[in-house]
Amino acid sequence: MAVTKKIPARLCLGCQQQHPKKELVRIVRSPEGEFSVDLTGKKAGRGAYICNNKECLEKAFKSHGLDRSFKSKIDKAVYDELLQQLLSE
C-alpha cells in the first residue's frame, strides 16, 4: 500500500492564503536580531513565510503582519532591505 506524503502548508503574511511551504519565501530573524530572506528554509531563528512577490511584502508591511509574527516593531528600513533581497533573487 502506497503512503501519500503530506505536503506542509504555510500561511502567507501578505495575502493570507495557504500555500505549499516550498512555494513561499521564509523571512528569518536571527538570534542576534537581524532579518534576512531564507530561500533554503534552514537558517536558524524565528521564521515567517511570504509569497515570492513584491505585492505580498507590501501588504504585510501595511497590515503589520511581520510585526505580529515576530512580536516586535520592525523598522521600515528592514522592509526596504527585505524587498531588495527578495527582488534580487
PDB file of N, CA and C in Angstrom:
ATOM      1  N   MET A   1       0.843  -1.181   0.000  1.00  0.00           N
ATOM      2  CA  MET A   1       0.000   0.000   0.000  1.00  0.00           C
ATOM      3  C   MET A   1       0.890   1.247   0.000  1.00  0.00           C
ATOM      4  N   ALA A   2       0.657   2.144  -0.932  1.00  0.00           N
ATOM      5  CA  ALA A   2       1.458   3.360  -1.051  1.00  0.00           C
ATOM      6  C   ALA A   2       1.023   4.391  -0.008  1.00  0.00           C
ATOM      7  N   VAL A   3       2.012   5.031   0.563  1.00  0.00           N
ATOM      8  CA  VAL A   3       1.736   6.063   1.557  1.00  0.00           C
ATOM      9  C   VAL A   3       1.903   7.422   0.883  1.00  0.00           C
ATOM     10  N   THR A   4       0.887   8.253   0.975  1.00  0.00           N
ATOM     11  CA  THR A   4       0.986   9.589   0.398  1.00  0.00           C
ATOM     12  C   THR A   4       1.644  10.507   1.414  1.00  0.00           C
ATOM     13  N   LYS A   5       2.623  11.235   0.945  1.00  0.00           N
ATOM     14  CA  LYS A   5       3.372  12.124   1.808  1.00  0.00           C
ATOM     15  C   LYS A   5       2.625  13.450   1.947  1.00  0.00           C
ATOM     16  N   LYS A   6       2.494  13.911   3.181  1.00  0.00           N
ATOM     17  CA  LYS A   6       1.804  15.163   3.437  1.00  0.00           C
ATOM     18  C   LYS A   6       2.717  16.329   3.072  1.00  0.00           C
ATOM     19  N   ILE A   7       2.186  17.270   2.311  1.00  0.00           N
ATOM     20  CA  ILE A   7       2.942  18.459   1.923  1.00  0.00           C
ATOM     21  C   ILE A   7       2.629  19.561   2.931  1.00  0.00           C
ATOM     22  N   PRO A   8       3.664  20.071   3.633  1.00  0.00           N
ATOM     23  CA  PRO A   8       3.397  21.109   4.624  1.00  0.00           C
ATOM     24  C   PRO A   8       2.931  22.399   3.961  1.00  0.00           C
ATOM     25  N   ALA A   9       1.959  23.041   4.574  1.00  0.00           N
ATOM     26  CA  ALA A   9       1.429  24.314   4.063  1.00  0.00           C
ATOM     27  C   ALA A   9       1.695  25.401   5.089  1.00  0.00           C
ATOM     28  N   ARG A  10       1.914  26.608   4.599  1.00  0.00           N
ATOM     29  CA  ARG A  10       2.149  27.760   5.456  1.00  0.00           C
ATOM     30  C   ARG A  10       1.264  28.908   4.984  1.00  0.00           C
ATOM     31  N   LEU A  11       1.009  29.846   5.872  1.00  0.00           N
ATOM     32  CA  LEU A  11       0.174  30.999   5.582  1.00  0.00           C
ATOM     33  C   LEU A  11       1.054  32.178   5.173  1.00  0.00           C
ATOM     34  N   CYS A  12       0.755  32.773   4.045  1.00  0.00           N
ATOM     35  CA  CYS A  12       1.480  33.962   3.597  1.00  0.00           C
ATOM     36  C   CYS A  12       1.019  35.150   4.438  1.00  0.00           C
ATOM     37  N   LEU A  13       1.967  35.942   4.930  1.00  0.00           N
ATOM     38  CA  LEU A  13       1.623  37.098   5.753  1.00  0.00           C
ATOM     39  C   LEU A  13       1.001  38.228   4.939  1.00  0.00           C
ATOM     40  N   GLY A  14       1.212  38.217   3.625  1.00  0.00           N
ATOM     41  CA  GLY A  14       0.667  39.274   2.782  1.00  0.00           C
ATOM     42  C   GLY A  14      -0.752  39.002   2.336  1.00  0.00           C
ATOM     43  N   CYS A  15      -0.943  37.912   1.596  1.00  0.00           N
ATOM     44  CA  CYS A  15      -2.255  37.614   1.017  1.00  0.00           C
ATOM     45  C   CYS A  15      -3.129  36.750   1.923  1.00  0.00           C
ATOM     46  N   GLN A  16      -2.572  36.238   3.015  1.00  0.00           N
ATOM     47  CA  GLN A  16      -3.298  35.414   3.984  1.00  0.00           C
ATOM     48  C   GLN A  16      -3.864  34.140   3.360  1.00  0.00           C
ATOM     49  N   GLN A  17      -3.161  33.578   2.376  1.00  0.00           N
ATOM     50  CA  GLN A  17      -3.571  32.342   1.720  1.00  0.00           C
ATOM     51  C   GLN A  17      -2.610  31.223   2.106  1.00  0.00           C
ATOM     52  N   GLN A  18      -3.141  30.008   2.215  1.00  0.00           N
ATOM     53  CA  GLN A  18      -2.317  28.838   2.477  1.00  0.00           C
ATOM     54  C   GLN A  18      -1.652  28.407   1.171  1.00  0.00           C
ATOM     55  N   HIS A  19      -0.345  28.173   1.213  1.00  0.00           N
ATOM     56  CA  HIS A  19       0.409  27.708   0.059  1.00  0.00           C
ATOM     57  C   HIS A  19       1.340  26.596   0.524  1.00  0.00           C
ATOM     58  N   PRO A  20       1.740  25.714  -0.389  1.00  0.00           N
ATOM     59  CA  PRO A  20       2.768  24.737  -0.013  1.00  0.00           C
ATOM     60  C   PRO A  20       4.040  25.467   0.424  1.00  0.00           C
ATOM     61  N   LYS A  21       4.675  24.930   1.429  1.00  0.00           N
ATOM     62  CA  LYS A  21       5.848  25.564   2.034  1.00  0.00           C
ATOM     63  C   LYS A  21       6.943  25.870   1.006  1.00  0.00           C
ATOM     64  N   LYS A  22       7.135  24.997   0.023  1.00  0.00           N
ATOM     65  CA  LYS A  22       8.201  25.182  -0.963  1.00  0.00           C
ATOM     66  C   LYS A  22       7.944  26.349  -1.909  1.00  0.00           C
ATOM     67  N   GLU A  23       6.699  26.807  -2.019  1.00  0.00           N
ATOM     68  CA  GLU A  23       6.378  27.926  -2.906  1.00  0.00           C
ATOM     69  C   GLU A  23       6.617  29.272  -2.235  1.00  0.00           C
ATOM     70  N   LEU A  24       6.793  29.285  -0.919  1.00  0.00           N
ATOM     71  CA  LEU A  24       6.932  30.524  -0.174  1.00  0.00           C
ATOM     72  C   LEU A  24       8.384  30.816   0.173  1.00  0.00           C
ATOM     73  N   VAL A  25       8.645  32.071   0.499  1.00  0.00           N
ATOM     74  CA  VAL A  25       9.964  32.513   0.928  1.00  0.00           C
ATOM     75  C   VAL A  25       9.897  32.732   2.432  1.00  0.00           C
ATOM     76  N   ARG A  26      10.918  32.271   3.132  1.00  0.00           N
ATOM     77  CA  ARG A  26      10.960  32.414   4.585  1.00  0.00           C
ATOM     78  C   ARG A  26      11.753  33.657   4.944  1.00  0.00           C
ATOM     79  N   ILE A  27      11.199  34.472   5.817  1.00  0.00           N
ATOM     80  CA  ILE A  27      11.896  35.633   6.348  1.00  0.00           C
ATOM     81  C   ILE A  27      12.281  35.277   7.774  1.00  0.00           C
ATOM     82  N   VAL A  28      13.553  35.460   8.100  1.00  0.00           N
ATOM     83  CA  VAL A  28      14.101  34.980   9.364  1.00  0.00           C
ATOM     84  C   VAL A  28      14.633  36.134  10.204  1.00  0.00           C
ATOM     85  N   ARG A  29      14.340  36.056  11.508  1.00  0.00           N
ATOM     86  CA  ARG A  29      15.015  36.935  12.471  1.00  0.00           C
ATOM     87  C   ARG A  29      16.008  36.053  13.204  1.00  0.00           C
ATOM     88  N   SER A  30      17.281  36.359  13.034  1.00  0.00           N
ATOM     89  CA  SER A  30      18.325  35.549  13.654  1.00  0.00           C
ATOM     90  C   SER A  30      18.339  35.790  15.160  1.00  0.00           C
ATOM     91  N   PRO A  31      19.014  34.925  15.907  1.00  0.00           N
ATOM     92  CA  PRO A  31      19.114  35.145  17.356  1.00  0.00           C
ATOM     93  C   PRO A  31      19.751  36.498  17.713  1.00  0.00           C
ATOM     94  N   GLU A  32      20.540  37.059  16.793  1.00  0.00           N
ATOM     95  CA  GLU A  32      21.153  38.383  17.021  1.00  0.00           C
ATOM     96  C   GLU A  32      20.197  39.523  16.708  1.00  0.00           C
ATOM     97  N   GLY A  33      19.031  39.218  16.107  1.00  0.00           N
ATOM     98  CA  GLY A  33      18.034  40.231  15.801  1.00  0.00           C
ATOM     99  C   GLY A  33      18.085  40.762  14.386  1.00  0.00           C
ATOM    100  N   GLU A  34      18.876  40.157  13.517  1.00  0.00           N
ATOM    101  CA  GLU A  34      18.972  40.602  12.127  1.00  0.00           C
ATOM    102  C   GLU A  34      17.949  39.865  11.275  1.00  0.00           C
ATOM    103  N   PHE A  35      17.366  40.568  10.315  1.00  0.00           N
ATOM    104  CA  PHE A  35      16.368  39.986   9.419  1.00  0.00           C
ATOM    105  C   PHE A  35      17.012  39.675   8.076  1.00  0.00           C
ATOM    106  N   SER A  36      16.591  38.556   7.479  1.00  0.00           N
ATOM    107  CA  SER A  36      17.097  38.189   6.158  1.00  0.00           C
ATOM    108  C   SER A  36      16.097  37.277   5.460  1.00  0.00           C
ATOM    109  N   VAL A  37      16.276  37.147   4.143  1.00  0.00           N
ATOM    110  CA  VAL A  37      15.453  36.256   3.343  1.00  0.00           C
ATOM    111  C   VAL A  37      16.154  34.904   3.296  1.00  0.00           C
ATOM    112  N   ASP A  38      15.419  33.837   3.609  1.00  0.00           N
ATOM    113  CA  ASP A  38      15.974  32.490   3.651  1.00  0.00           C
ATOM    114  C   ASP A  38      15.296  31.638   2.580  1.00  0.00           C
ATOM    115  N   LEU A  39      15.988  31.408   1.480  1.00  0.00           N
ATOM    116  CA  LEU A  39      15.421  30.608   0.401  1.00  0.00           C
ATOM    117  C   LEU A  39      15.521  29.113   0.676  1.00  0.00           C
ATOM    118  N   THR A  40      16.464  28.704   1.532  1.00  0.00           N
ATOM    119  CA  THR A  40      16.641  27.283   1.821  1.00  0.00           C
ATOM    120  C   THR A  40      15.678  26.790   2.888  1.00  0.00           C
ATOM    121  N   GLY A  41      15.205  27.686   3.760  1.00  0.00           N
ATOM    122  CA  GLY A  41      14.315  27.279   4.842  1.00  0.00           C
ATOM    123  C   GLY A  41      15.041  26.623   5.994  1.00  0.00           C
ATOM    124  N   LYS A  42      16.363  26.784   6.065  1.00  0.00           N
ATOM    125  CA  LYS A  42      17.150  26.092   7.073  1.00  0.00           C
ATOM    126  C   LYS A  42      17.900  27.017   8.022  1.00  0.00           C
ATOM    127  N   LYS A  43      17.849  28.326   7.815  1.00  0.00           N
ATOM    128  CA  LYS A  43      18.582  29.241   8.693  1.00  0.00           C
ATOM    129  C   LYS A  43      18.017  29.186  10.110  1.00  0.00           C
ATOM    130  N   ALA A  44      18.891  29.402  11.077  1.00  0.00           N
ATOM    131  CA  ALA A  44      18.475  29.398  12.473  1.00  0.00           C
ATOM    132  C   ALA A  44      17.730  30.686  12.792  1.00  0.00           C
ATOM    133  N   GLY A  45      16.694  30.584  13.592  1.00  0.00           N
ATOM    134  CA  GLY A  45      15.953  31.750  14.024  1.00  0.00           C
ATOM    135  C   GLY A  45      14.468  31.606  13.779  1.00  0.00           C
ATOM    136  N   ARG A  46      13.734  32.604  14.208  1.00  0.00           N
ATOM    137  CA  ARG A  46      12.284  32.636  14.049  1.00  0.00           C
ATOM    138  C   ARG A  46      11.950  32.979  12.616  1.00  0.00           C
ATOM    139  N   GLY A  47      11.022  32.261  12.015  1.00  0.00           N
ATOM    140  CA  GLY A  47      10.698  32.482  10.616  1.00  0.00           C
ATOM    141  C   GLY A  47       9.240  32.811  10.381  1.00  0.00           C
ATOM    142  N   ALA A  48       8.999  33.518   9.292  1.00  0.00           N
ATOM    143  CA  ALA A  48       7.657  33.826   8.814  1.00  0.00           C
ATOM    144  C   ALA A  48       7.688  33.663   7.299  1.00  0.00           C
ATOM    145  N   TYR A  49       6.553  33.320   6.731  1.00  0.00           N
ATOM    146  CA  TYR A  49       6.508  32.993   5.310  1.00  0.00           C
ATOM    147  C   TYR A  49       5.725  34.035   4.521  1.00  0.00           C
ATOM    148  N   ILE A  50       6.185  34.242   3.287  1.00  0.00           N
ATOM    149  CA  ILE A  50       5.551  35.223   2.412  1.00  0.00           C
ATOM    150  C   ILE A  50       5.721  34.751   0.961  1.00  0.00           C
ATOM    151  N   CYS A  51       4.760  35.106   0.116  1.00  0.00           N
ATOM    152  CA  CYS A  51       4.864  34.764  -1.308  1.00  0.00           C
ATOM    153  C   CYS A  51       6.076  35.468  -1.907  1.00  0.00           C
ATOM    154  N   ASN A  52       6.579  34.914  -2.974  1.00  0.00           N
ATOM    155  CA  ASN A  52       7.773  35.463  -3.610  1.00  0.00           C
ATOM    156  C   ASN A  52       7.406  36.582  -4.585  1.00  0.00           C
ATOM    157  N   ASN A  53       6.734  37.619  -4.077  1.00  0.00           N
ATOM    158  CA  ASN A  53       6.424  38.773  -4.918  1.00  0.00           C
ATOM    159  C   ASN A  53       6.350  40.050  -4.080  1.00  0.00           C
ATOM    160  N   LYS A  54       6.479  41.156  -4.759  1.00  0.00           N
ATOM    161  CA  LYS A  54       6.536  42.463  -4.115  1.00  0.00           C
ATOM    162  C   LYS A  54       5.198  42.831  -3.463  1.00  0.00           C
ATOM    163  N   GLU A  55       4.103  42.460  -4.099  1.00  0.00           N
ATOM    164  CA  GLU A  55       2.779  42.849  -3.603  1.00  0.00           C
ATOM    165  C   GLU A  55       2.502  42.277  -2.211  1.00  0.00           C
ATOM    166  N   CYS A  56       2.867  41.018  -2.000  1.00  0.00           N
ATOM    167  CA  CYS A  56       2.612  40.394  -0.699  1.00  0.00           C
ATOM    168  C   CYS A  56       3.472  41.031   0.400  1.00  0.00           C
ATOM    169  N   LEU A  57       4.702  41.401   0.076  1.00  0.00           N
ATOM    170  CA  LEU A  57       5.547  42.067   1.074  1.00  0.00           C
ATOM    171  C   LEU A  57       4.966  43.431   1.427  1.00  0.00           C
ATOM    172  N   GLU A  58       4.447  44.150   0.421  1.00  0.00           N
ATOM    173  CA  GLU A  58       3.828  45.447   0.694  1.00  0.00           C
ATOM    174  C   GLU A  58       2.565  45.299   1.535  1.00  0.00           C
ATOM    175  N   LYS A  59       1.762  44.261   1.269  1.00  0.00           N
ATOM    176  CA  LYS A  59       0.568  44.016   2.081  1.00  0.00           C
ATOM    177  C   LYS A  59       0.949  43.676   3.513  1.00  0.00           C
ATOM    178  N   ALA A  60       2.011  42.876   3.677  1.00  0.00           N
ATOM    179  CA  ALA A  60       2.475  42.520   5.030  1.00  0.00           C
ATOM    180  C   ALA A  60       2.959  43.758   5.768  1.00  0.00           C
ATOM    181  N   PHE A  61       3.583  44.707   5.053  1.00  0.00           N
ATOM    182  CA  PHE A  61       4.032  45.954   5.667  1.00  0.00           C
ATOM    183  C   PHE A  61       2.839  46.798   6.114  1.00  0.00           C
ATOM    184  N   LYS A  62       1.842  46.931   5.235  1.00  0.00           N
ATOM    185  CA  LYS A  62       0.673  47.749   5.561  1.00  0.00           C
ATOM    186  C   LYS A  62      -0.153  47.165   6.700  1.00  0.00           C
ATOM    187  N   SER A  63      -0.239  45.834   6.753  1.00  0.00           N
ATOM    188  CA  SER A  63      -1.053  45.197   7.787  1.00  0.00           C
ATOM    189  C   SER A  63      -0.258  44.855   9.047  1.00  0.00           C
ATOM    190  N   HIS A  64       1.037  45.198   9.052  1.00  0.00           N
ATOM    191  CA  HIS A  64       1.929  44.907  10.189  1.00  0.00           C
ATOM    192  C   HIS A  64       2.004  43.410  10.470  1.00  0.00           C
ATOM    193  N   GLY A  65       1.946  42.601   9.414  1.00  0.00           N
ATOM    194  CA  GLY A  65       1.997  41.149   9.554  1.00  0.00           C
ATOM    195  C   GLY A  65       3.300  40.652  10.140  1.00  0.00           C
ATOM    196  N   LEU A  66       4.420  41.222   9.686  1.00  0.00           N
ATOM    197  CA  LEU A  66       5.709  40.807  10.235  1.00  0.00           C
ATOM    198  C   LEU A  66       5.862  41.255  11.681  1.00  0.00           C
ATOM    199  N   ASP A  67       5.327  42.427  12.012  1.00  0.00           N
ATOM    200  CA  ASP A  67       5.376  42.904  13.402  1.00  0.00           C
ATOM    201  C   ASP A  67       4.693  41.908  14.329  1.00  0.00           C
ATOM    202  N   ARG A  68       3.523  41.446  13.918  1.00  0.00           N
ATOM    203  CA  ARG A  68       2.774  40.479  14.739  1.00  0.00           C
ATOM    204  C   ARG A  68       3.489  39.133  14.802  1.00  0.00           C
ATOM    205  N   SER A  69       4.026  38.707  13.687  1.00  0.00           N
ATOM    206  CA  SER A  69       4.670  37.405  13.641  1.00  0.00           C
ATOM    207  C   SER A  69       5.925  37.353  14.517  1.00  0.00           C
ATOM    208  N   PHE A  70       6.706  38.413  14.485  1.00  0.00           N
ATOM    209  CA  PHE A  70       7.941  38.449  15.268  1.00  0.00           C
ATOM    210  C   PHE A  70       7.757  39.105  16.638  1.00  0.00           C
ATOM    211  N   LYS A  71       6.548  39.562  16.932  1.00  0.00           N
ATOM    212  CA  LYS A  71       6.203  40.156  18.227  1.00  0.00           C
ATOM    213  C   LYS A  71       7.118  41.317  18.603  1.00  0.00           C
ATOM    214  N   SER A  72       7.443  42.145  17.604  1.00  0.00           N
ATOM    215  CA  SER A  72       8.242  43.335  17.837  1.00  0.00           C
ATOM    216  C   SER A  72       8.033  44.308  16.679  1.00  0.00           C
ATOM    217  N   LYS A  73       8.296  45.573  16.936  1.00  0.00           N
ATOM    218  CA  LYS A  73       8.165  46.605  15.907  1.00  0.00           C
ATOM    219  C   LYS A  73       9.325  46.485  14.932  1.00  0.00           C
ATOM    220  N   ILE A  74       8.991  46.462  13.646  1.00  0.00           N
ATOM    221  CA  ILE A  74      10.012  46.317  12.612  1.00  0.00           C
ATOM    222  C   ILE A  74      10.121  47.630  11.846  1.00  0.00           C
ATOM    223  N   ASP A  75      11.336  48.114  11.713  1.00  0.00           N
ATOM    224  CA  ASP A  75      11.631  49.376  11.053  1.00  0.00           C
ATOM    225  C   ASP A  75      11.336  49.316   9.554  1.00  0.00           C
ATOM    226  N   LYS A  76      10.983  50.447   8.958  1.00  0.00           N
ATOM    227  CA  LYS A  76      10.742  50.497   7.516  1.00  0.00           C
ATOM    228  C   LYS A  76      12.012  50.163   6.743  1.00  0.00           C
ATOM    229  N   ALA A  77      13.167  50.502   7.290  1.00  0.00           N
ATOM    230  CA  ALA A  77      14.437  50.185   6.627  1.00  0.00           C
ATOM    231  C   ALA A  77      14.603  48.677   6.461  1.00  0.00           C
ATOM    232  N   VAL A  78      14.115  47.907   7.416  1.00  0.00           N
ATOM    233  CA  VAL A  78      14.189  46.448   7.329  1.00  0.00           C
ATOM    234  C   VAL A  78      13.307  45.960   6.177  1.00  0.00           C
ATOM    235  N   TYR A  79      12.093  46.536   6.041  1.00  0.00           N
ATOM    236  CA  TYR A  79      11.212  46.166   4.932  1.00  0.00           C
ATOM    237  C   TYR A  79      11.871  46.483   3.593  1.00  0.00           C
ATOM    238  N   ASP A  80      12.516  47.660   3.508  1.00  0.00           N
ATOM    239  CA  ASP A  80      13.188  48.041   2.258  1.00  0.00           C
ATOM    240  C   ASP A  80      14.317  47.065   1.929  1.00  0.00           C
ATOM    241  N   GLU A  81      15.070  46.665   2.950  1.00  0.00           N
ATOM    242  CA  GLU A  81      16.168  45.714   2.751  1.00  0.00           C
ATOM    243  C   GLU A  81      15.631  44.353   2.317  1.00  0.00           C
ATOM    244  N   LEU A  82      14.539  43.905   2.948  1.00  0.00           N
ATOM    245  CA  LEU A  82      13.930  42.630   2.572  1.00  0.00           C
ATOM    246  C   LEU A  82      13.405  42.672   1.142  1.00  0.00           C
ATOM    247  N   LEU A  83      12.835  43.812   0.757  1.00  0.00           N
ATOM    248  CA  LEU A  83      12.332  43.968  -0.611  1.00  0.00           C
ATOM    249  C   LEU A  83      13.473  43.861  -1.615  1.00  0.00           C
ATOM    250  N   GLN A  84      14.595  44.494  -1.300  1.00  0.00           N
ATOM    251  CA  GLN A  84      15.756  44.413  -2.209  1.00  0.00           C
ATOM    252  C   GLN A  84      16.267  42.988  -2.308  1.00  0.00           C
ATOM    253  N   GLN A  85      16.340  42.275  -1.176  1.00  0.00           N
ATOM    254  CA  GLN A  85      16.800  40.886  -1.183  1.00  0.00           C
ATOM    255  C   GLN A  85      15.840  40.008  -1.974  1.00  0.00           C
ATOM    256  N   LEU A  86      14.539  40.265  -1.807  1.00  0.00           N
ATOM    257  CA  LEU A  86      13.522  39.466  -2.481  1.00  0.00           C
ATOM    258  C   LEU A  86      13.569  39.672  -3.995  1.00  0.00           C
ATOM    259  N   LEU A  87      13.774  40.913  -4.425  1.00  0.00           N
ATOM    260  CA  LEU A  87      13.806  41.216  -5.854  1.00  0.00           C
ATOM    261  C   LEU A  87      15.094  40.753  -6.522  1.00  0.00           C
ATOM    262  N   SER A  88      16.189  40.682  -5.744  1.00  0.00           N
ATOM    263  CA  SER A  88      17.463  40.285  -6.329  1.00  0.00           C
ATOM    264  C   SER A  88      17.569  38.778  -6.530  1.00  0.00           C
ATOM    265  N   GLU A  89      16.660  38.009  -5.950  1.00  0.00           N
ATOM    266  CA  GLU A  89      16.758  36.548  -6.045  1.00  0.00           C
ATOM    267  C   GLU A  89      15.706  35.959  -6.929  1.00  0.00           C
TER     268      GLU A  89
END
